All heavy atoms as atom14 arrays in JSON, in Angstrom:
{
  "sequence": "QRLQQAYPQDPRTIDGLAAALAESGDFARATSRGQSALELARRAGDLA",
  "atom14_mask": [
    [1, 1, 1, 1, 1, 1, 1, 1, 1, 0, 0, 0, 0, 0],
    [1, 1, 1, 1, 1, 1, 1, 1, 1, 1, 1, 0, 0, 0],
    [1, 1, 1, 1, 1, 1, 1, 1, 0, 0, 0, 0, 0, 0],
    [1, 1, 1, 1, 1, 1, 1, 1, 1, 0, 0, 0, 0, 0],
    [1, 1, 1, 1, 1, 1, 1, 1, 1, 0, 0, 0, 0, 0],
    [1, 1, 1, 1, 1, 0, 0, 0, 0, 0, 0, 0, 0, 0],
    [1, 1, 1, 1, 1, 1, 1, 1, 1, 1, 1, 1, 0, 0],
    [1, 1, 1, 1, 1, 1, 1, 0, 0, 0, 0, 0, 0, 0],
    [1, 1, 1, 1, 1, 1, 1, 1, 1, 0, 0, 0, 0, 0],
    [1, 1, 1, 1, 1, 1, 1, 1, 0, 0, 0, 0, 0, 0],
    [1, 1, 1, 1, 1, 1, 1, 0, 0, 0, 0, 0, 0, 0],
    [1, 1, 1, 1, 1, 1, 1, 1, 1, 1, 1, 0, 0, 0],
    [1, 1, 1, 1, 1, 1, 1, 0, 0, 0, 0, 0, 0, 0],
    [1, 1, 1, 1, 1, 1, 1, 1, 0, 0, 0, 0, 0, 0],
    [1, 1, 1, 1, 1, 1, 1, 1, 0, 0, 0, 0, 0, 0],
    [1, 1, 1, 1, 0, 0, 0, 0, 0, 0, 0, 0, 0, 0],
    [1, 1, 1, 1, 1, 1, 1, 1, 0, 0, 0, 0, 0, 0],
    [1, 1, 1, 1, 1, 0, 0, 0, 0, 0, 0, 0, 0, 0],
    [1, 1, 1, 1, 1, 0, 0, 0, 0, 0, 0, 0, 0, 0],
    [1, 1, 1, 1, 1, 0, 0, 0, 0, 0, 0, 0, 0, 0],
    [1, 1, 1, 1, 1, 1, 1, 1, 0, 0, 0, 0, 0, 0],
    [1, 1, 1, 1, 1, 0, 0, 0, 0, 0, 0, 0, 0, 0],
    [1, 1, 1, 1, 1, 1, 1, 1, 1, 0, 0, 0, 0, 0],
    [1, 1, 1, 1, 1, 1, 0, 0, 0, 0, 0, 0, 0, 0],
    [1, 1, 1, 1, 0, 0, 0, 0, 0, 0, 0, 0, 0, 0],
    [1, 1, 1, 1, 1, 1, 1, 1, 0, 0, 0, 0, 0, 0],
    [1, 1, 1, 1, 1, 1, 1, 1, 1, 1, 1, 0, 0, 0],
    [1, 1, 1, 1, 1, 0, 0, 0, 0, 0, 0, 0, 0, 0],
    [1, 1, 1, 1, 1, 1, 1, 1, 1, 1, 1, 0, 0, 0],
    [1, 1, 1, 1, 1, 0, 0, 0, 0, 0, 0, 0, 0, 0],
    [1, 1, 1, 1, 1, 1, 1, 0, 0, 0, 0, 0, 0, 0],
    [1, 1, 1, 1, 1, 1, 0, 0, 0, 0, 0, 0, 0, 0],
    [1, 1, 1, 1, 1, 1, 1, 1, 1, 1, 1, 0, 0, 0],
    [1, 1, 1, 1, 0, 0, 0, 0, 0, 0, 0, 0, 0, 0],
    [1, 1, 1, 1, 1, 1, 1, 1, 1, 0, 0, 0, 0, 0],
    [1, 1, 1, 1, 1, 1, 0, 0, 0, 0, 0, 0, 0, 0],
    [1, 1, 1, 1, 1, 0, 0, 0, 0, 0, 0, 0, 0, 0],
    [1, 1, 1, 1, 1, 1, 1, 1, 0, 0, 0, 0, 0, 0],
    [1, 1, 1, 1, 1, 1, 1, 1, 1, 0, 0, 0, 0, 0],
    [1, 1, 1, 1, 1, 1, 1, 1, 0, 0, 0, 0, 0, 0],
    [1, 1, 1, 1, 1, 0, 0, 0, 0, 0, 0, 0, 0, 0],
    [1, 1, 1, 1, 1, 1, 1, 1, 1, 1, 1, 0, 0, 0],
    [1, 1, 1, 1, 1, 1, 1, 1, 1, 1, 1, 0, 0, 0],
    [1, 1, 1, 1, 1, 0, 0, 0, 0, 0, 0, 0, 0, 0],
    [1, 1, 1, 1, 0, 0, 0, 0, 0, 0, 0, 0, 0, 0],
    [1, 1, 1, 1, 1, 1, 1, 1, 0, 0, 0, 0, 0, 0],
    [1, 1, 1, 1, 1, 1, 1, 1, 0, 0, 0, 0, 0, 0],
    [1, 1, 1, 1, 1, 0, 0, 0, 0, 0, 0, 0, 0, 0]
  ],
  "atom14_positions": [
    [[109.01, 113.34, 75.86], [108.25, 112.28, 75.32], [109.11, 111.12, 74.63], [109.02, 109.94, 74.98], [107.09, 112.65, 74.43], [106.01, 113.33, 75.15], [104.99, 113.91, 74.16], [105.34, 114.4, 73.05], [103.77, 113.97, 74.53], [0.0, 0.0, 0.0], [0.0, 0.0, 0.0], [0.0, 0.0, 0.0], [0.0, 0.0, 0.0], [0.0, 0.0, 0.0]],
    [[110.04, 111.59, 73.81], [111.03, 110.64, 73.27], [111.97, 109.87, 74.31], [112.13, 108.8, 74.3], [112.01, 111.48, 72.32], [112.05, 110.89, 70.96], [113.07, 111.68, 70.06], [113.98, 112.54, 70.72], [114.24, 113.79, 70.34], [113.72, 114.28, 69.22], [115.14, 114.57, 71.08], [0.0, 0.0, 0.0], [0.0, 0.0, 0.0], [0.0, 0.0, 0.0]],
    [[112.24, 110.59, 75.41], [113.1, 110.02, 76.38], [112.28, 109.02, 77.11], [112.76, 107.91, 77.62], [113.56, 111.08, 77.4], [114.96, 111.7, 77.13], [115.16, 112.86, 78.07], [115.93, 110.67, 77.09], [0.0, 0.0, 0.0], [0.0, 0.0, 0.0], [0.0, 0.0, 0.0], [0.0, 0.0, 0.0], [0.0, 0.0, 0.0], [0.0, 0.0, 0.0]],
    [[111.11, 109.39, 77.5], [110.09, 108.5, 78.24], [109.9, 107.19, 77.46], [109.72, 106.1, 78.11], [108.83, 109.17, 78.44], [107.92, 108.55, 79.38], [106.84, 107.65, 78.77], [106.46, 107.88, 77.71], [106.39, 106.51, 79.22], [0.0, 0.0, 0.0], [0.0, 0.0, 0.0], [0.0, 0.0, 0.0], [0.0, 0.0, 0.0], [0.0, 0.0, 0.0]],
    [[109.92, 107.27, 76.21], [109.8, 105.98, 75.4], [110.95, 105.13, 75.61], [110.94, 103.84, 75.65], [109.53, 106.26, 73.91], [108.15, 106.92, 73.61], [108.08, 107.34, 72.14], [109.03, 107.34, 71.49], [106.8, 107.7, 71.74], [0.0, 0.0, 0.0], [0.0, 0.0, 0.0], [0.0, 0.0, 0.0], [0.0, 0.0, 0.0], [0.0, 0.0, 0.0]],
    [[112.16, 105.73, 75.72], [113.43, 104.92, 75.76], [113.59, 104.55, 77.27], [114.3, 103.51, 77.47], [114.54, 105.77, 75.33], [0.0, 0.0, 0.0], [0.0, 0.0, 0.0], [0.0, 0.0, 0.0], [0.0, 0.0, 0.0], [0.0, 0.0, 0.0], [0.0, 0.0, 0.0], [0.0, 0.0, 0.0], [0.0, 0.0, 0.0], [0.0, 0.0, 0.0]],
    [[113.14, 105.37, 78.16], [113.38, 105.14, 79.6], [112.12, 105.12, 80.46], [111.9, 106.02, 81.26], [114.5, 105.91, 80.28], [115.77, 105.88, 79.46], [116.02, 106.93, 78.52], [116.71, 104.98, 79.77], [117.23, 106.8, 77.73], [117.9, 104.94, 78.98], [118.14, 105.77, 78.06], [119.34, 105.67, 77.4], [0.0, 0.0, 0.0], [0.0, 0.0, 0.0]],
    [[111.12, 104.14, 80.2], [109.93, 104.34, 80.87], [109.81, 104.26, 82.37], [108.76, 104.58, 82.97], [108.95, 103.37, 80.2], [110.03, 102.27, 79.67], [111.27, 103.08, 79.34], [0.0, 0.0, 0.0], [0.0, 0.0, 0.0], [0.0, 0.0, 0.0], [0.0, 0.0, 0.0], [0.0, 0.0, 0.0], [0.0, 0.0, 0.0], [0.0, 0.0, 0.0]],
    [[110.85, 103.76, 82.99], [110.9, 103.34, 84.41], [111.77, 104.36, 85.19], [112.13, 104.06, 86.39], [111.14, 101.94, 84.67], [110.09, 100.98, 84.08], [108.82, 101.22, 84.57], [108.64, 101.35, 85.79], [107.87, 101.32, 83.82], [0.0, 0.0, 0.0], [0.0, 0.0, 0.0], [0.0, 0.0, 0.0], [0.0, 0.0, 0.0], [0.0, 0.0, 0.0]],
    [[112.36, 105.35, 84.42], [113.34, 106.23, 85.16], [112.6, 107.45, 85.79], [111.93, 108.13, 85.11], [114.39, 106.82, 84.15], [115.33, 107.67, 84.8], [115.92, 107.32, 85.76], [115.39, 108.83, 84.24], [0.0, 0.0, 0.0], [0.0, 0.0, 0.0], [0.0, 0.0, 0.0], [0.0, 0.0, 0.0], [0.0, 0.0, 0.0], [0.0, 0.0, 0.0]],
    [[112.59, 107.56, 87.08], [111.81, 108.62, 87.74], [112.19, 110.01, 87.38], [111.26, 110.93, 87.2], [112.14, 108.4, 89.17], [113.23, 107.48, 89.26], [113.34, 106.87, 88.03], [0.0, 0.0, 0.0], [0.0, 0.0, 0.0], [0.0, 0.0, 0.0], [0.0, 0.0, 0.0], [0.0, 0.0, 0.0], [0.0, 0.0, 0.0], [0.0, 0.0, 0.0]],
    [[113.38, 110.25, 86.94], [113.84, 111.63, 86.57], [113.32, 111.9, 85.22], [112.91, 113.05, 84.94], [115.37, 111.82, 86.58], [115.8, 111.74, 88.09], [117.45, 112.05, 88.07], [118.0, 111.83, 89.47], [117.8, 112.64, 90.34], [117.28, 113.79, 90.17], [118.27, 112.44, 91.61], [0.0, 0.0, 0.0], [0.0, 0.0, 0.0], [0.0, 0.0, 0.0]],
    [[113.37, 110.93, 84.34], [112.73, 111.16, 83.02], [111.27, 111.46, 83.08], [110.81, 112.39, 82.49], [113.05, 109.83, 82.14], [114.32, 109.65, 81.96], [112.36, 109.96, 80.74], [0.0, 0.0, 0.0], [0.0, 0.0, 0.0], [0.0, 0.0, 0.0], [0.0, 0.0, 0.0], [0.0, 0.0, 0.0], [0.0, 0.0, 0.0], [0.0, 0.0, 0.0]],
    [[110.59, 110.74, 83.91], [109.08, 110.84, 84.06], [108.8, 112.38, 84.66], [107.94, 112.91, 84.31], [108.45, 109.77, 84.72], [108.8, 108.4, 84.07], [106.98, 109.88, 84.81], [108.53, 108.23, 82.61], [0.0, 0.0, 0.0], [0.0, 0.0, 0.0], [0.0, 0.0, 0.0], [0.0, 0.0, 0.0], [0.0, 0.0, 0.0], [0.0, 0.0, 0.0]],
    [[109.64, 112.55, 85.71], [109.59, 113.85, 86.3], [109.78, 114.98, 85.33], [109.03, 116.03, 85.37], [110.55, 114.03, 87.51], [110.45, 115.31, 88.2], [109.29, 115.83, 88.41], [111.65, 115.73, 88.69], [0.0, 0.0, 0.0], [0.0, 0.0, 0.0], [0.0, 0.0, 0.0], [0.0, 0.0, 0.0], [0.0, 0.0, 0.0], [0.0, 0.0, 0.0]],
    [[110.68, 114.96, 84.44], [110.89, 115.85, 83.46], [109.7, 115.94, 82.37], [109.32, 117.04, 82.03], [0.0, 0.0, 0.0], [0.0, 0.0, 0.0], [0.0, 0.0, 0.0], [0.0, 0.0, 0.0], [0.0, 0.0, 0.0], [0.0, 0.0, 0.0], [0.0, 0.0, 0.0], [0.0, 0.0, 0.0], [0.0, 0.0, 0.0], [0.0, 0.0, 0.0]],
    [[109.09, 114.85, 82.15], [107.92, 114.75, 81.27], [106.84, 115.5, 81.97], [106.0, 116.28, 81.34], [107.54, 113.37, 80.96], [106.23, 113.16, 80.08], [106.29, 113.96, 78.75], [105.94, 111.67, 79.92], [0.0, 0.0, 0.0], [0.0, 0.0, 0.0], [0.0, 0.0, 0.0], [0.0, 0.0, 0.0], [0.0, 0.0, 0.0], [0.0, 0.0, 0.0]],
    [[106.57, 115.3, 83.3], [105.54, 115.99, 83.97], [105.81, 117.46, 83.99], [104.87, 118.26, 83.77], [105.55, 115.51, 85.43], [0.0, 0.0, 0.0], [0.0, 0.0, 0.0], [0.0, 0.0, 0.0], [0.0, 0.0, 0.0], [0.0, 0.0, 0.0], [0.0, 0.0, 0.0], [0.0, 0.0, 0.0], [0.0, 0.0, 0.0], [0.0, 0.0, 0.0]],
    [[106.98, 117.88, 84.12], [107.36, 119.37, 84.18], [107.07, 119.97, 82.69], [106.53, 121.08, 82.65], [108.77, 119.63, 84.42], [0.0, 0.0, 0.0], [0.0, 0.0, 0.0], [0.0, 0.0, 0.0], [0.0, 0.0, 0.0], [0.0, 0.0, 0.0], [0.0, 0.0, 0.0], [0.0, 0.0, 0.0], [0.0, 0.0, 0.0], [0.0, 0.0, 0.0]],
    [[107.47, 119.23, 81.71], [107.21, 119.79, 80.31], [105.6, 119.85, 80.04], [105.09, 120.74, 79.4], [107.83, 118.79, 79.3], [0.0, 0.0, 0.0], [0.0, 0.0, 0.0], [0.0, 0.0, 0.0], [0.0, 0.0, 0.0], [0.0, 0.0, 0.0], [0.0, 0.0, 0.0], [0.0, 0.0, 0.0], [0.0, 0.0, 0.0], [0.0, 0.0, 0.0]],
    [[104.9, 118.77, 80.48], [103.39, 118.87, 80.37], [102.86, 120.0, 81.1], [102.01, 120.64, 80.59], [102.83, 117.5, 80.91], [103.0, 116.33, 80.05], [102.85, 115.01, 80.81], [102.1, 116.32, 78.81], [0.0, 0.0, 0.0], [0.0, 0.0, 0.0], [0.0, 0.0, 0.0], [0.0, 0.0, 0.0], [0.0, 0.0, 0.0], [0.0, 0.0, 0.0]],
    [[103.3, 120.33, 82.3], [102.83, 121.43, 83.12], [103.12, 122.74, 82.32], [102.25, 123.67, 82.32], [103.45, 121.38, 84.5], [0.0, 0.0, 0.0], [0.0, 0.0, 0.0], [0.0, 0.0, 0.0], [0.0, 0.0, 0.0], [0.0, 0.0, 0.0], [0.0, 0.0, 0.0], [0.0, 0.0, 0.0], [0.0, 0.0, 0.0], [0.0, 0.0, 0.0]],
    [[104.32, 122.84, 81.93], [104.67, 124.11, 81.18], [103.88, 124.22, 80.01], [103.52, 125.44, 79.56], [106.24, 124.03, 80.81], [106.69, 125.24, 80.23], [106.67, 126.54, 80.89], [106.56, 126.48, 82.13], [106.46, 127.58, 80.3], [0.0, 0.0, 0.0], [0.0, 0.0, 0.0], [0.0, 0.0, 0.0], [0.0, 0.0, 0.0], [0.0, 0.0, 0.0]],
    [[103.37, 123.16, 79.29], [102.48, 123.16, 78.19], [101.04, 123.41, 78.48], [100.38, 123.38, 77.64], [102.71, 121.95, 77.32], [104.09, 121.76, 76.89], [0.0, 0.0, 0.0], [0.0, 0.0, 0.0], [0.0, 0.0, 0.0], [0.0, 0.0, 0.0], [0.0, 0.0, 0.0], [0.0, 0.0, 0.0], [0.0, 0.0, 0.0], [0.0, 0.0, 0.0]],
    [[100.75, 123.49, 79.82], [99.41, 123.82, 80.22], [98.52, 122.41, 80.43], [97.34, 122.5, 80.69], [0.0, 0.0, 0.0], [0.0, 0.0, 0.0], [0.0, 0.0, 0.0], [0.0, 0.0, 0.0], [0.0, 0.0, 0.0], [0.0, 0.0, 0.0], [0.0, 0.0, 0.0], [0.0, 0.0, 0.0], [0.0, 0.0, 0.0], [0.0, 0.0, 0.0]],
    [[99.07, 121.26, 80.26], [98.38, 120.02, 80.48], [98.5, 119.54, 81.91], [99.31, 118.57, 82.09], [98.76, 119.01, 79.5], [97.85, 117.75, 79.39], [97.23, 117.66, 80.46], [98.01, 116.94, 78.36], [0.0, 0.0, 0.0], [0.0, 0.0, 0.0], [0.0, 0.0, 0.0], [0.0, 0.0, 0.0], [0.0, 0.0, 0.0], [0.0, 0.0, 0.0]],
    [[97.98, 120.22, 82.81], [98.16, 119.87, 84.29], [97.54, 118.58, 84.72], [98.1, 117.88, 85.67], [97.53, 120.96, 85.08], [98.2, 122.25, 84.89], [97.76, 123.32, 84.19], [99.61, 122.42, 85.37], [98.41, 124.52, 83.99], [100.18, 123.7, 85.22], [99.58, 124.62, 84.39], [0.0, 0.0, 0.0], [0.0, 0.0, 0.0], [0.0, 0.0, 0.0]],
    [[96.52, 117.97, 84.03], [95.96, 116.69, 84.48], [97.01, 115.6, 84.06], [97.33, 114.75, 85.02], [94.64, 116.41, 83.66], [0.0, 0.0, 0.0], [0.0, 0.0, 0.0], [0.0, 0.0, 0.0], [0.0, 0.0, 0.0], [0.0, 0.0, 0.0], [0.0, 0.0, 0.0], [0.0, 0.0, 0.0], [0.0, 0.0, 0.0], [0.0, 0.0, 0.0]],
    [[97.59, 115.65, 82.92], [98.66, 114.75, 82.56], [99.91, 114.97, 83.29], [100.66, 114.04, 83.7], [98.83, 114.62, 81.07], [97.7, 114.08, 80.3], [97.9, 113.98, 78.8], [99.22, 113.33, 78.45], [99.95, 113.79, 77.33], [99.48, 114.6, 76.52], [101.01, 113.01, 77.08], [0.0, 0.0, 0.0], [0.0, 0.0, 0.0], [0.0, 0.0, 0.0]],
    [[100.16, 116.19, 83.59], [101.44, 116.52, 84.45], [101.32, 115.86, 85.77], [102.24, 115.31, 86.33], [101.57, 117.97, 84.56], [0.0, 0.0, 0.0], [0.0, 0.0, 0.0], [0.0, 0.0, 0.0], [0.0, 0.0, 0.0], [0.0, 0.0, 0.0], [0.0, 0.0, 0.0], [0.0, 0.0, 0.0], [0.0, 0.0, 0.0], [0.0, 0.0, 0.0]],
    [[100.07, 115.9, 86.4], [99.84, 115.4, 87.73], [99.92, 113.88, 87.63], [100.55, 113.28, 88.57], [98.43, 115.73, 88.16], [98.36, 117.23, 88.35], [98.17, 115.33, 89.69], [0.0, 0.0, 0.0], [0.0, 0.0, 0.0], [0.0, 0.0, 0.0], [0.0, 0.0, 0.0], [0.0, 0.0, 0.0], [0.0, 0.0, 0.0], [0.0, 0.0, 0.0]],
    [[99.41, 113.31, 86.7], [99.46, 111.82, 86.49], [100.82, 111.32, 86.31], [101.29, 110.36, 86.97], [98.51, 111.42, 85.33], [98.71, 109.99, 84.99], [0.0, 0.0, 0.0], [0.0, 0.0, 0.0], [0.0, 0.0, 0.0], [0.0, 0.0, 0.0], [0.0, 0.0, 0.0], [0.0, 0.0, 0.0], [0.0, 0.0, 0.0], [0.0, 0.0, 0.0]],
    [[101.58, 111.96, 85.42], [103.05, 111.58, 85.24], [103.85, 111.89, 86.45], [104.8, 111.13, 86.82], [103.54, 112.31, 84.01], [102.87, 112.02, 82.65], [102.64, 110.49, 82.39], [103.76, 109.7, 82.61], [103.87, 108.37, 82.75], [102.76, 107.75, 82.65], [104.99, 107.68, 82.84], [0.0, 0.0, 0.0], [0.0, 0.0, 0.0], [0.0, 0.0, 0.0]],
    [[103.58, 112.95, 87.09], [104.27, 113.24, 88.28], [104.12, 112.22, 89.33], [105.02, 111.87, 90.16], [0.0, 0.0, 0.0], [0.0, 0.0, 0.0], [0.0, 0.0, 0.0], [0.0, 0.0, 0.0], [0.0, 0.0, 0.0], [0.0, 0.0, 0.0], [0.0, 0.0, 0.0], [0.0, 0.0, 0.0], [0.0, 0.0, 0.0], [0.0, 0.0, 0.0]],
    [[102.82, 111.85, 89.48], [102.56, 110.74, 90.47], [103.27, 109.46, 90.08], [103.77, 108.79, 91.04], [100.97, 110.46, 90.58], [100.54, 109.55, 91.59], [100.92, 110.21, 92.96], [100.64, 111.31, 93.34], [101.35, 109.34, 93.91], [0.0, 0.0, 0.0], [0.0, 0.0, 0.0], [0.0, 0.0, 0.0], [0.0, 0.0, 0.0], [0.0, 0.0, 0.0]],
    [[103.36, 109.13, 88.86], [104.19, 107.93, 88.5], [105.67, 108.14, 88.85], [106.25, 107.18, 89.25], [104.06, 107.69, 86.96], [102.72, 107.39, 86.68], [0.0, 0.0, 0.0], [0.0, 0.0, 0.0], [0.0, 0.0, 0.0], [0.0, 0.0, 0.0], [0.0, 0.0, 0.0], [0.0, 0.0, 0.0], [0.0, 0.0, 0.0], [0.0, 0.0, 0.0]],
    [[106.15, 109.31, 88.63], [107.57, 109.62, 88.98], [107.76, 109.46, 90.44], [108.76, 108.87, 90.93], [107.93, 110.9, 88.43], [0.0, 0.0, 0.0], [0.0, 0.0, 0.0], [0.0, 0.0, 0.0], [0.0, 0.0, 0.0], [0.0, 0.0, 0.0], [0.0, 0.0, 0.0], [0.0, 0.0, 0.0], [0.0, 0.0, 0.0], [0.0, 0.0, 0.0]],
    [[106.89, 109.92, 91.2], [106.97, 109.93, 92.59], [107.07, 108.4, 93.13], [107.85, 108.01, 93.9], [105.8, 110.58, 93.21], [105.61, 110.43, 94.86], [106.92, 111.14, 95.47], [104.45, 111.21, 95.21], [0.0, 0.0, 0.0], [0.0, 0.0, 0.0], [0.0, 0.0, 0.0], [0.0, 0.0, 0.0], [0.0, 0.0, 0.0], [0.0, 0.0, 0.0]],
    [[106.09, 107.56, 92.57], [106.14, 106.17, 92.95], [107.47, 105.49, 92.45], [107.93, 104.67, 93.19], [104.89, 105.5, 92.27], [103.56, 105.88, 92.79], [102.35, 105.51, 92.03], [102.52, 104.7, 91.09], [101.24, 106.09, 92.38], [0.0, 0.0, 0.0], [0.0, 0.0, 0.0], [0.0, 0.0, 0.0], [0.0, 0.0, 0.0], [0.0, 0.0, 0.0]],
    [[107.9, 105.73, 91.33], [109.18, 105.26, 90.9], [110.39, 105.6, 91.7], [111.07, 104.79, 92.09], [109.51, 105.54, 89.45], [108.59, 104.88, 88.37], [108.68, 105.53, 87.05], [108.87, 103.44, 88.2], [0.0, 0.0, 0.0], [0.0, 0.0, 0.0], [0.0, 0.0, 0.0], [0.0, 0.0, 0.0], [0.0, 0.0, 0.0], [0.0, 0.0, 0.0]],
    [[110.33, 106.85, 92.24], [111.47, 107.29, 93.1], [111.36, 106.7, 94.45], [112.36, 106.3, 94.96], [111.29, 108.9, 93.12], [0.0, 0.0, 0.0], [0.0, 0.0, 0.0], [0.0, 0.0, 0.0], [0.0, 0.0, 0.0], [0.0, 0.0, 0.0], [0.0, 0.0, 0.0], [0.0, 0.0, 0.0], [0.0, 0.0, 0.0], [0.0, 0.0, 0.0]],
    [[110.14, 106.51, 94.93], [110.0, 105.85, 96.13], [110.48, 104.4, 96.08], [111.19, 103.93, 97.01], [108.62, 105.95, 96.7], [108.2, 107.33, 97.2], [106.75, 107.35, 97.67], [106.44, 108.65, 98.19], [105.18, 109.13, 98.37], [104.19, 108.28, 97.94], [104.97, 110.23, 98.83], [0.0, 0.0, 0.0], [0.0, 0.0, 0.0], [0.0, 0.0, 0.0]],
    [[110.03, 103.69, 95.07], [110.5, 102.3, 94.94], [112.02, 102.2, 94.83], [112.59, 101.18, 95.17], [109.81, 101.67, 93.62], [108.62, 100.81, 93.95], [108.15, 100.12, 92.79], [107.09, 100.89, 92.21], [106.68, 101.03, 90.91], [107.47, 100.39, 89.96], [105.81, 101.79, 90.55], [0.0, 0.0, 0.0], [0.0, 0.0, 0.0], [0.0, 0.0, 0.0]],
    [[112.58, 103.15, 94.05], [114.07, 103.17, 93.99], [114.78, 103.57, 95.27], [116.01, 103.6, 95.37], [114.44, 104.13, 92.86], [0.0, 0.0, 0.0], [0.0, 0.0, 0.0], [0.0, 0.0, 0.0], [0.0, 0.0, 0.0], [0.0, 0.0, 0.0], [0.0, 0.0, 0.0], [0.0, 0.0, 0.0], [0.0, 0.0, 0.0], [0.0, 0.0, 0.0]],
    [[113.97, 104.03, 96.31], [114.64, 104.49, 97.61], [115.24, 105.87, 97.42], [116.06, 106.28, 98.35], [0.0, 0.0, 0.0], [0.0, 0.0, 0.0], [0.0, 0.0, 0.0], [0.0, 0.0, 0.0], [0.0, 0.0, 0.0], [0.0, 0.0, 0.0], [0.0, 0.0, 0.0], [0.0, 0.0, 0.0], [0.0, 0.0, 0.0], [0.0, 0.0, 0.0]],
    [[114.9, 106.58, 96.4], [115.49, 107.98, 96.32], [114.46, 109.01, 96.94], [113.72, 109.68, 96.24], [115.68, 108.27, 94.76], [116.44, 109.58, 94.55], [116.61, 110.39, 95.46], [117.03, 109.64, 93.52], [0.0, 0.0, 0.0], [0.0, 0.0, 0.0], [0.0, 0.0, 0.0], [0.0, 0.0, 0.0], [0.0, 0.0, 0.0], [0.0, 0.0, 0.0]],
    [[114.69, 109.09, 98.17], [113.73, 109.82, 99.01], [113.79, 111.34, 98.75], [112.87, 112.13, 98.8], [113.81, 109.6, 100.51], [113.51, 108.12, 100.88], [113.55, 107.88, 102.43], [112.26, 107.59, 100.29], [0.0, 0.0, 0.0], [0.0, 0.0, 0.0], [0.0, 0.0, 0.0], [0.0, 0.0, 0.0], [0.0, 0.0, 0.0], [0.0, 0.0, 0.0]],
    [[115.1, 111.77, 98.47], [115.27, 113.25, 98.06], [114.6, 113.68, 96.8], [113.93, 114.6, 96.8], [116.77, 113.48, 97.97], [0.0, 0.0, 0.0], [0.0, 0.0, 0.0], [0.0, 0.0, 0.0], [0.0, 0.0, 0.0], [0.0, 0.0, 0.0], [0.0, 0.0, 0.0], [0.0, 0.0, 0.0], [0.0, 0.0, 0.0], [0.0, 0.0, 0.0]]
  ]
}
C-alpha cells in the first residue's frame, strides 16, 4: 500500500498489491487491483 501511494501507475507495484490483498483474504479488492495492473501492463506494452 505504501508503494502504491508512491507509484500509482506502476503495473508491477499494483500487481504486488493485488497479491498481498489476496494473501490477506480480500479477493474482491485483489481482483479489482489486479484488473488495474493488467490494464496498466497492457498500456505499457508489457504483454509478458
